[in-house]
Protein backbone atom coordinates (compact mmCIF):
# COMPACT_ATOMS: atom_id res chain seq x y z
CA MET A 1 39.29 70.87 128.62
CA ARG A 2 41.81 71.36 131.33
CA LEU A 3 45.02 73.24 130.59
CA PRO A 4 48.35 71.76 131.53
CA LEU A 5 49.65 72.80 134.90
CA PHE A 6 52.45 74.99 133.59
CA ARG A 7 50.06 76.84 131.28
CA ARG A 8 47.56 77.36 134.08
CA PHE A 9 50.37 78.71 136.21
CA GLY A 10 51.55 81.03 133.45
CA LEU A 11 48.03 82.34 132.83
CA THR A 12 47.49 82.98 136.52
CA ALA A 13 50.79 84.81 136.78
CA ALA A 14 49.90 86.96 133.80
CA VAL A 15 46.54 87.88 135.31
CA VAL A 16 48.18 88.74 138.64
CA ALA A 17 50.87 90.80 136.93
CA CYS A 18 48.28 92.67 134.92
CA ALA A 19 46.26 93.40 138.02
CA LEU A 20 49.29 94.64 139.87
CA SER A 21 50.27 96.89 137.00
CA LEU A 22 46.95 98.70 136.77
CA PRO A 23 47.61 101.16 139.59
CA LEU A 24 51.04 101.85 138.14
CA VAL A 25 49.59 102.62 134.72
CA ALA A 26 46.91 104.80 136.24
CA GLN A 27 49.55 106.59 138.28
CA ALA A 28 51.71 107.07 135.23
CA ARG A 29 48.85 108.56 133.26
CA LYS A 30 47.71 110.87 136.07
CA PRO A 31 48.80 114.46 135.34
CA ARG A 32 51.47 115.79 137.65
CA GLN A 33 50.27 118.36 140.11
CA ARG A 34 52.38 121.47 140.69
CA ARG A 35 53.61 121.94 144.17
CA VAL A 36 52.23 125.13 145.57
CA VAL A 37 54.53 126.93 147.98
CA HIS A 38 52.81 129.51 150.15
CA HIS A 39 55.06 132.41 151.07
CA VAL A 40 54.15 134.34 154.17
CA VAL A 41 54.32 138.07 153.43
CA ARG A 42 54.85 140.15 156.53
CA ARG A 43 53.60 143.70 156.08
CA TYR A 44 54.61 146.52 158.37
CA VAL A 45 51.53 148.37 159.54
CA GLN A 46 52.17 151.93 160.68
CA THR A 47 50.32 152.96 163.82
CA TRP A 48 49.50 156.65 163.69
CA THR A 49 49.23 158.55 166.96
CA ALA A 50 48.36 161.92 165.40
CA ARG A 51 45.09 162.95 163.80
CA SER A 52 44.73 164.92 160.58
CA ILE A 53 41.89 167.03 161.98
CA ALA A 54 42.09 169.27 165.04
CA TYR A 55 39.83 171.96 166.42
CA GLY A 56 40.54 175.23 168.15
CA LEU A 57 44.24 175.38 167.25
CA GLY A 58 44.11 179.10 166.51
CA ASP A 59 41.87 180.21 169.36
CA HIS A 60 44.70 182.03 171.12
CA ASP A 61 46.49 183.46 168.08
CA ILE A 62 47.62 187.08 168.38
CA THR A 63 46.45 188.77 165.19
CA GLY A 64 46.49 192.51 165.86
CA GLY A 65 49.45 193.17 163.54
CA GLU A 66 48.68 190.67 160.79
CA ASP A 67 47.35 191.40 157.32
CA PRO A 68 43.61 190.65 157.67
CA GLU A 69 43.18 189.70 154.02
CA ILE A 70 46.01 187.17 154.08
CA ARG A 71 45.02 185.76 157.45
CA ALA A 72 41.44 185.22 156.30
CA ALA A 73 42.65 183.37 153.22
CA ALA A 74 45.00 181.17 155.26
CA VAL A 75 42.38 180.38 157.91
CA ARG A 76 39.87 179.43 155.22
CA ALA A 77 42.39 177.24 153.40
CA LEU A 78 43.47 175.34 156.53
CA GLY A 79 40.00 174.83 157.92
CA ASP A 80 40.19 172.19 160.63
CA LEU A 81 43.35 170.55 159.33
CA ASN A 82 45.93 169.78 161.99
CA GLY A 83 48.59 172.16 160.77
CA THR A 84 49.84 175.68 160.37
CA ALA A 85 50.37 178.29 157.67
CA VAL A 86 52.98 181.04 157.77
CA VAL A 87 52.98 183.88 155.23
CA VAL A 88 55.97 186.23 155.03
CA ASP A 89 56.96 189.24 152.96
CA PRO A 90 60.29 188.14 151.42
CA ASN A 91 61.38 191.74 150.95
CA ASN A 92 61.51 192.64 154.63
CA GLY A 93 60.87 189.56 156.79
CA ARG A 94 57.51 190.69 158.16
CA ILE A 95 55.18 187.85 159.10
CA LEU A 96 51.88 188.78 157.45
CA ALA A 97 49.96 185.84 158.90
CA MET A 98 50.78 183.03 161.29
CA VAL A 99 47.82 180.69 161.67
CA ASN A 100 47.78 178.25 164.56
CA GLN A 101 50.72 180.01 166.14
CA LYS A 102 51.59 177.39 168.74
CA LEU A 103 52.31 174.94 165.93
CA ALA A 104 54.08 177.59 163.85
CA LEU A 105 56.55 178.30 166.66
CA SER A 106 57.24 174.64 167.38
CA ALA A 107 60.23 172.76 165.98
CA GLN A 108 58.67 169.32 166.26
CA TYR A 109 58.79 168.85 162.48
CA GLN A 110 61.21 166.98 160.28
CA PRO A 111 61.97 169.00 157.13
CA CYS A 112 61.44 165.92 154.96
CA SER A 113 62.15 166.68 151.30
CA THR A 114 62.08 170.46 151.76
CA THR A 115 65.67 169.98 152.96
CA LYS A 116 66.58 169.34 149.32
CA MET A 117 66.59 173.10 148.66
CA ALA A 118 69.46 173.65 151.10
CA ILE A 119 71.29 170.53 149.90
CA ALA A 120 71.02 171.74 146.30
CA LEU A 121 72.50 175.13 147.24
CA ALA A 122 75.31 173.48 149.19
CA ALA A 123 76.18 171.17 146.28
CA LEU A 124 76.20 174.06 143.82
CA ASP A 125 78.27 176.19 146.18
CA HIS A 126 80.86 173.40 146.60
CA HIS A 127 80.91 172.66 142.85
CA VAL A 128 79.72 169.11 143.37
CA VAL A 129 77.25 169.54 140.51
CA ASN A 130 75.83 172.20 138.26
CA GLU A 131 72.25 172.43 137.05
CA ASN A 132 72.83 170.02 134.18
CA THR A 133 75.10 167.45 135.82
CA PRO A 134 73.47 164.02 135.39
CA ILE A 135 73.50 161.66 138.35
CA GLN A 136 72.45 158.06 137.97
CA VAL A 137 69.49 157.27 140.22
CA ALA A 138 68.49 153.89 138.79
CA ALA A 139 69.91 151.19 136.50
CA HIS A 140 69.18 153.07 133.27
CA TRP A 141 68.08 156.48 134.53
CA SER A 142 70.04 159.64 135.22
CA VAL A 143 68.59 163.03 136.11
CA ASN A 144 69.81 166.59 136.58
CA LEU A 145 69.14 169.02 139.42
CA THR A 146 66.00 170.56 137.92
CA THR A 147 64.29 167.20 137.47
CA ALA A 148 65.45 165.95 140.87
CA LEU A 149 63.91 168.97 142.62
CA ALA A 150 60.73 168.94 140.56
CA TYR A 151 60.02 165.28 141.28
CA SER A 152 61.79 165.11 144.67
CA ILE A 153 64.09 162.23 143.70
CA ASN A 154 65.70 160.96 146.89
CA ALA A 155 68.54 159.02 145.28
CA TYR A 156 69.87 162.19 143.62
CA PHE A 157 70.20 164.09 146.89
CA GLU A 158 71.52 161.07 148.75
CA ALA A 159 74.33 161.02 146.19
CA LEU A 160 74.99 164.73 146.78
CA GLY A 161 75.13 164.19 150.53
CA ASP A 162 77.55 161.30 150.17
CA ARG A 163 79.81 163.41 147.98
CA MET A 164 79.82 166.41 150.32
CA GLY A 165 79.98 164.60 153.64
CA PHE A 166 78.20 165.10 156.95
CA ALA A 167 80.29 168.05 158.17
CA THR A 168 79.74 170.09 155.01
CA VAL A 169 76.01 169.40 154.89
CA THR A 170 75.35 170.33 158.52
CA ARG A 171 77.58 173.41 158.35
CA TYR A 172 75.58 174.68 155.38
CA GLU A 173 72.27 173.94 157.07
CA ARG A 174 73.31 175.96 160.09
CA GLU A 175 74.38 178.82 157.84
CA MET A 176 70.88 178.75 156.33
CA GLY A 177 69.42 179.25 159.81
CA LEU A 178 68.63 175.78 161.10
CA GLY A 179 69.30 175.12 164.77
CA GLU A 180 68.69 178.77 165.74
CA LYS A 181 65.65 180.97 166.15
CA ALA A 182 64.33 182.54 162.97
CA GLY A 183 62.10 185.11 164.67
CA TRP A 184 63.01 188.37 166.32
CA ASP A 185 61.77 188.35 169.93
CA ILE A 186 58.79 186.06 169.26
CA PRO A 187 57.76 184.40 172.54
CA GLY A 188 57.59 180.63 172.51
CA GLU A 189 59.73 179.98 169.45
CA ASP A 190 61.74 176.75 169.44
CA PRO A 191 65.19 176.95 167.78
CA GLY A 192 65.12 173.35 166.58
CA VAL A 193 68.01 170.92 166.20
CA VAL A 194 70.75 170.13 163.69
CA PRO A 195 72.38 166.77 164.56
CA ASP A 196 76.00 166.69 165.73
CA GLU A 197 76.60 163.23 164.29
CA PRO A 198 75.01 161.08 161.60
CA GLY A 199 71.86 159.24 162.59
CA PRO A 200 70.07 156.29 160.97
CA GLY A 201 70.78 156.36 157.25
CA GLY A 202 73.81 158.61 157.66
CA VAL A 203 74.38 161.71 155.57
CA ALA A 204 72.32 160.21 152.73
CA LYS A 205 69.05 160.32 154.68
CA LEU A 206 70.00 163.64 156.20
CA SER A 207 70.28 165.03 152.65
CA SER A 208 67.10 163.51 151.24
CA PHE A 209 64.73 163.60 154.23
CA GLY A 210 66.40 165.83 156.81
CA GLU A 211 66.80 162.83 159.13
CA GLY A 212 67.78 164.04 162.59
CA VAL A 213 66.84 167.68 161.94
CA HIS A 214 64.06 169.40 163.89
CA ILE A 215 62.74 172.44 162.09
CA SER A 216 60.09 175.09 162.72
CA PRO A 217 57.78 176.56 160.07
CA LEU A 218 59.42 179.93 160.75
CA GLN A 219 62.86 178.55 159.88
CA LEU A 220 61.52 177.06 156.67
CA ALA A 221 59.90 180.38 155.78
CA ALA A 222 63.17 182.23 156.44
CA ILE A 223 65.10 179.88 154.12
CA VAL A 224 62.59 180.35 151.31
CA THR A 225 62.67 184.10 151.89
CA ALA A 226 66.45 184.10 151.35
CA ILE A 227 66.10 182.03 148.17
CA ALA A 228 63.38 184.33 146.87
CA ASN A 229 65.24 187.60 147.45
CA GLY A 230 68.70 186.38 146.44
CA GLY A 231 70.37 185.78 149.79
CA THR A 232 69.12 188.11 152.52
CA LEU A 233 68.27 186.09 155.62
CA TYR A 234 65.94 188.34 157.59
CA TRP A 235 64.93 188.05 161.19
CA LEU A 236 61.26 187.26 160.87
CA GLN A 237 59.16 189.76 162.81
CA HIS A 238 55.56 189.34 163.90
CA PRO A 239 53.94 192.71 164.69
CA THR A 240 51.15 192.35 167.21
CA THR A 241 49.60 195.82 167.02
CA PRO A 242 48.82 198.38 164.29
CA GLU A 243 51.45 200.65 165.84
CA GLN A 244 54.15 198.02 165.38
CA VAL A 245 53.10 197.64 161.77
CA ARG A 246 53.37 201.39 161.25
CA ASP A 247 56.84 201.54 162.82
CA PHE A 248 58.10 198.31 161.25
CA VAL A 249 61.79 198.27 160.30
CA PRO A 250 63.38 195.16 158.70
CA ARG A 251 66.18 193.42 160.57
CA ILE A 252 68.80 191.47 158.66
CA LYS A 253 70.33 188.45 160.36
CA ARG A 254 73.02 187.89 157.70
CA HIS A 255 73.63 187.77 153.98
CA LEU A 256 74.05 184.41 152.28
CA ASP A 257 76.30 184.28 149.23
CA ILE A 258 73.76 182.40 147.12
CA ALA A 259 72.58 184.96 144.55
CA ALA A 260 74.50 183.24 141.74
CA LEU A 261 73.19 179.83 142.81
CA THR A 262 69.49 180.49 143.32
CA PRO A 263 68.49 180.59 139.62
CA GLU A 264 69.41 176.92 139.27
CA VAL A 265 67.42 175.98 142.37
CA LYS A 266 64.49 178.15 141.30
CA ASP A 267 64.21 176.21 138.03
CA GLY A 268 63.56 173.03 140.00
CA MET A 269 61.15 174.74 142.39
CA LEU A 270 59.22 176.19 139.45
CA GLY A 271 59.17 172.74 137.84
CA ALA A 272 57.74 171.23 141.02
CA VAL A 273 54.69 173.48 140.74
CA GLN A 274 54.35 173.43 136.96
CA TYR A 275 54.60 169.66 136.43
CA GLY A 276 56.06 167.97 139.53
CA THR A 277 55.02 167.10 143.06
CA ALA A 278 53.43 170.49 143.84
CA ARG A 279 51.05 170.79 140.89
CA LEU A 280 48.08 171.42 143.20
CA ALA A 281 49.55 174.82 144.10
CA LYS A 282 49.66 176.02 140.51
CA LEU A 283 48.15 179.39 139.67
CA SER A 284 47.35 180.07 136.03
CA ASN A 285 48.37 183.71 135.87
CA GLU A 286 51.16 183.88 138.49
CA GLN A 287 54.46 182.07 138.89
CA ILE A 288 54.71 180.04 142.08
CA LEU A 289 57.89 178.19 143.05
CA GLY A 290 57.98 175.58 145.79
CA LYS A 291 59.12 172.32 147.27
CA THR A 292 57.04 169.59 148.88
CA GLY A 293 58.03 167.19 151.64
CA THR A 294 56.50 164.03 153.08
CA CYS A 295 57.81 161.82 155.89
CA SER A 296 56.98 160.31 159.27
CA ARG A 297 58.39 160.52 162.77
CA ASP A 298 57.20 158.93 166.02
CA GLY A 299 53.76 158.02 164.75
CA THR A 300 53.09 161.37 163.04
CA ARG A 301 52.94 161.92 159.32
CA PHE A 302 54.15 165.31 158.06
CA GLY A 303 53.20 167.05 154.85
CA LEU A 304 55.14 170.22 154.02
CA PHE A 305 55.11 172.81 151.29
CA ALA A 306 57.51 175.77 151.19
CA SER A 307 56.88 178.28 148.40
CA TYR A 308 56.89 181.82 147.14
CA LEU A 309 55.16 183.82 144.43
CA GLY A 310 56.95 185.94 141.83
CA ILE A 311 60.28 185.09 140.22
CA THR A 312 61.42 188.60 139.29
CA HIS A 313 59.61 190.45 142.05
CA PRO A 314 58.83 188.02 144.88
CA GLN A 315 55.75 189.08 146.81
CA LEU A 316 54.79 186.36 149.27
CA VAL A 317 56.37 183.36 150.93
CA VAL A 318 53.81 180.74 151.96
CA VAL A 319 54.74 177.76 154.13
CA VAL A 320 52.18 175.11 155.04
CA ILE A 321 52.91 172.18 157.34
CA LEU A 322 50.29 169.53 158.10
CA ARG A 323 50.38 166.76 160.71
CA GLY A 324 48.37 163.60 161.06
CA ASP A 325 48.02 160.08 159.76
CA GLY A 326 48.59 158.44 156.39
CA ALA A 327 46.23 160.89 154.68
CA VAL A 328 48.81 163.67 155.17
CA PHE A 329 51.49 164.26 152.55
CA GLY A 330 53.36 167.06 150.81
CA PRO A 331 51.04 167.52 147.80
CA ARG A 332 48.13 168.07 150.17
CA ALA A 333 50.06 170.87 151.88
CA ALA A 334 50.70 172.30 148.40
CA GLN A 335 46.97 172.15 147.76
CA VAL A 336 46.30 174.21 150.91
CA ALA A 337 48.86 176.79 149.82
CA GLY A 338 47.26 176.84 146.38
CA VAL A 339 43.93 177.74 147.98
CA ILE A 340 45.61 180.66 149.75
CA TYR A 341 47.21 181.91 146.54
CA ARG A 342 44.00 181.57 144.52
CA GLN A 343 41.89 183.34 147.12
CA LEU A 344 44.29 186.30 147.19
CA ASP A 345 44.43 186.30 143.41
CA ARG A 346 40.63 186.51 143.20
CA GLU A 347 40.79 189.51 145.51
CA HIS A 348 43.44 191.11 143.23
CA TYR A 349 45.88 191.19 146.12
CA PHE A 350 48.97 190.71 143.97
CA GLU A 351 48.00 193.44 141.55
CA ALA A 352 47.64 195.87 144.45
CA ARG A 353 51.06 194.94 145.80
CA ALA A 354 52.92 195.08 142.49
CA GLY A 355 55.94 197.30 142.89
CA ALA A 356 55.20 197.93 146.57
CA SER A 357 58.23 196.08 147.89
CA ALA A 358 60.95 198.55 146.94
CA TRP A 359 60.51 200.87 149.94
CA PRO A 360 60.86 198.18 152.65
CA THR A 361 64.03 196.93 150.97
CA LEU A 362 65.44 200.46 150.92
CA ARG A 363 64.59 200.86 154.60
CA ALA A 364 66.41 197.61 155.33
CA ALA A 365 69.53 198.96 153.61
CA ILE A 366 69.30 202.20 155.62
CA ALA A 367 68.89 200.19 158.86
CA ARG A 368 72.20 198.43 158.24
């Protein structure tokens, strides 16, 4: 039976409409795919020009006036690391060992976070903070001076620098001995640099990383010596013969009015070794105080540790500075210093020296 024309036309139209709608239905039922946006992450890759290992650095060291026990411990601890170790008696300024002397006399180093010791003293001296003043370093986090030194919190010291200003910070750093020779008639010593104007990062980076400062290991040792003994900035002397050791007389460069300030800085330095960034230098039966530093300059990574042993009766100042690639950092320098301290402790060096520092100090007073 044939359908009427209009019904045939309607049926055909329905079939065509149904056919045309199938892709639309299928498209409607197809799950929506999420658009994936690929972000290109550009990473800065540091190219290191310095190596962490070097050989023969101490081949030409002059050792005739050094303490053989301390030098042996420092040489063993450094091994073939590209760095230097300086050990000083904080009671008279005598350099007991200076390993890899060419590096020790150079001022190619940035102080990195070891500069925080001087910044802390300057802030205390100018009544910017006291030991317990909280400074906000993050959205919901404030810290005091002890914690900031122990964990080397940059934001804390950047805030101190901003509050004091560039002129005050650099004046205090020069008073502490930066920008001038620390040694007394030591050939080849570089006096270093304190910037005359703010560099990249301004006074904030100057106060947290020592940006723009060039420091020598001897200068760092002299600063720690003054902190350890309460403010006497000695000329560091390096005897080269047994006769010079026998006739040694301390020489005082100047007195720093920091005796009332150092206890608050020492708390942070002790915290750094007990539980902070310098834990690898910890000695179980002796009190070591120190400050680490890590930063980079011109393709060289620096790891620094400035320290001393003995809160009440300081016996040794030990400064270790390492150079190299990304494997170098402050805690590793602290580890090297810890090896020096532990070796001397095993040899009962500190027991033998207990109470032996009074006579050099008396001689220093007579020499004035």
